[in-house]
Amino acid sequence: MRKLKKSFYKSNIFKIILFIISCLIIFNLFLIRSNIIEKNSEIDLLKEKIITENKSIDDLKNILKDENLEEYIKELARDKLEFMEKGERVFIDIYGR
């Protein structure tokens, strides 16, 4: 019985199995590392997005605090929604430039 155990550990089959397991572990480590790098880049992109969104929130808060809020709303309605005031003439560029 002892000879059988010792011979198994010295045999080529054991060495092959050990080599295959080692290769699988190393391969999985590389996969995990690549996933970590990918997730870190996603985190960086999301952090940049948070910063830009916070800046736009601060800008909107400043607009709300501004005394000329009504004037800003009128200007925004003219630019974005193409509203006009009563009695105002609008000239349309027919050449499309």
Protein backbone atom coordinates (compact mmCIF):
# COMPACT_ATOMS: atom_id res chain seq x y z
CA MET A 1 0.00 0.00 0.00
CA ARG A 2 2.78 2.47 0.84
CA LYS A 3 4.54 1.73 -2.41
CA LEU A 4 1.36 2.51 -4.33
CA LYS A 5 0.96 5.96 -2.70
CA LYS A 6 4.59 6.95 -3.21
CA SER A 7 4.58 5.79 -6.78
CA PHE A 8 1.43 7.78 -7.57
CA TYR A 9 3.03 11.06 -6.46
CA LYS A 10 6.11 10.31 -8.50
CA SER A 11 4.18 9.24 -11.59
CA ASN A 12 3.74 11.30 -14.72
CA ILE A 13 -0.05 11.34 -14.43
CA PHE A 14 0.12 13.22 -11.14
CA LYS A 15 2.55 15.72 -12.64
CA ILE A 16 0.29 16.27 -15.65
CA ILE A 17 -2.77 16.78 -13.46
CA LEU A 18 -0.87 19.21 -11.28
CA PHE A 19 0.35 21.12 -14.33
CA ILE A 20 -3.17 21.38 -15.78
CA ILE A 21 -4.59 22.64 -12.47
CA SER A 22 -1.80 25.21 -12.22
CA CYS A 23 -2.48 26.41 -15.77
CA LEU A 24 -6.19 26.76 -15.03
CA ILE A 25 -5.49 28.79 -11.91
CA ILE A 26 -3.13 31.12 -13.78
CA PHE A 27 -5.63 31.53 -16.62
CA ASN A 28 -8.40 32.41 -14.16
CA LEU A 29 -6.12 34.94 -12.47
CA PHE A 30 -5.54 36.68 -15.82
CA LEU A 31 -9.28 36.74 -16.49
CA ILE A 32 -9.97 38.22 -13.08
CA ARG A 33 -7.26 40.85 -13.56
CA SER A 34 -8.65 41.89 -16.94
CA ASN A 35 -12.15 42.19 -15.41
CA ILE A 36 -10.74 44.36 -12.63
CA ILE A 37 -9.06 46.67 -15.15
CA GLU A 38 -12.28 46.93 -17.17
CA LYS A 39 -14.37 47.72 -14.09
CA ASN A 40 -11.86 50.34 -12.93
CA SER A 41 -12.13 52.11 -16.28
CA GLU A 42 -15.93 52.04 -15.98
CA ILE A 43 -15.64 53.53 -12.48
CA ASP A 44 -13.42 56.33 -13.82
CA LEU A 45 -15.93 57.13 -16.56
CA LEU A 46 -18.77 57.21 -14.05
CA LYS A 47 -16.79 59.48 -11.74
CA GLU A 48 -16.23 61.92 -14.62
CA LYS A 49 -19.94 61.77 -15.44
CA ILE A 50 -20.80 62.53 -11.80
CA ILE A 51 -18.50 65.55 -11.84
CA THR A 52 -20.10 66.97 -15.00
CA GLU A 53 -23.60 66.35 -13.67
CA ASN A 54 -22.73 68.06 -10.39
CA LYS A 55 -21.46 71.07 -12.35
CA SER A 56 -24.69 71.28 -14.32
CA ILE A 57 -26.70 70.99 -11.09
CA ASP A 58 -24.69 73.85 -9.59
CA ASP A 59 -25.30 75.94 -12.71
CA LEU A 60 -29.03 75.31 -12.48
CA LYS A 61 -29.04 76.21 -8.78
CA ASN A 62 -27.28 79.47 -9.60
CA ILE A 63 -29.86 80.22 -12.27
CA LEU A 64 -32.68 79.65 -9.78
CA LYS A 65 -30.99 81.99 -7.30
CA ASP A 66 -30.57 84.66 -9.97
CA GLU A 67 -32.86 87.69 -9.77
CA ASN A 68 -33.44 87.70 -13.54
CA LEU A 69 -35.11 84.27 -13.58
CA GLU A 70 -38.13 85.47 -15.53
CA GLU A 71 -35.92 87.04 -18.18
CA TYR A 72 -33.87 83.82 -18.42
CA ILE A 73 -37.04 81.77 -18.91
CA LYS A 74 -38.21 84.08 -21.71
CA GLU A 75 -34.84 83.85 -23.43
CA LEU A 76 -34.82 80.08 -23.08
CA ALA A 77 -38.34 79.84 -24.51
CA ARG A 78 -37.29 81.94 -27.50
CA ASP A 79 -34.15 79.94 -28.22
CA LYS A 80 -35.31 76.40 -27.55
CA LEU A 81 -39.05 76.51 -28.16
CA GLU A 82 -39.16 79.35 -30.72
CA PHE A 83 -41.72 81.34 -28.73
CA MET A 84 -42.28 85.02 -29.45
CA GLU A 85 -43.80 87.93 -27.61
CA LYS A 86 -47.06 89.59 -28.53
CA GLY A 87 -46.64 91.95 -31.48
CA GLU A 88 -43.14 90.73 -32.29
CA ARG A 89 -42.18 90.15 -35.93
CA VAL A 90 -40.25 87.03 -36.83
CA PHE A 91 -38.19 86.84 -39.98
CA ILE A 92 -37.53 83.39 -41.41
CA ASP A 93 -34.42 82.71 -43.43
CA ILE A 94 -35.72 81.02 -46.56
CA TYR A 95 -32.22 80.25 -47.87
CA GLY A 96 -31.45 77.94 -44.95
CA ARG A 97 -28.01 79.31 -44.18
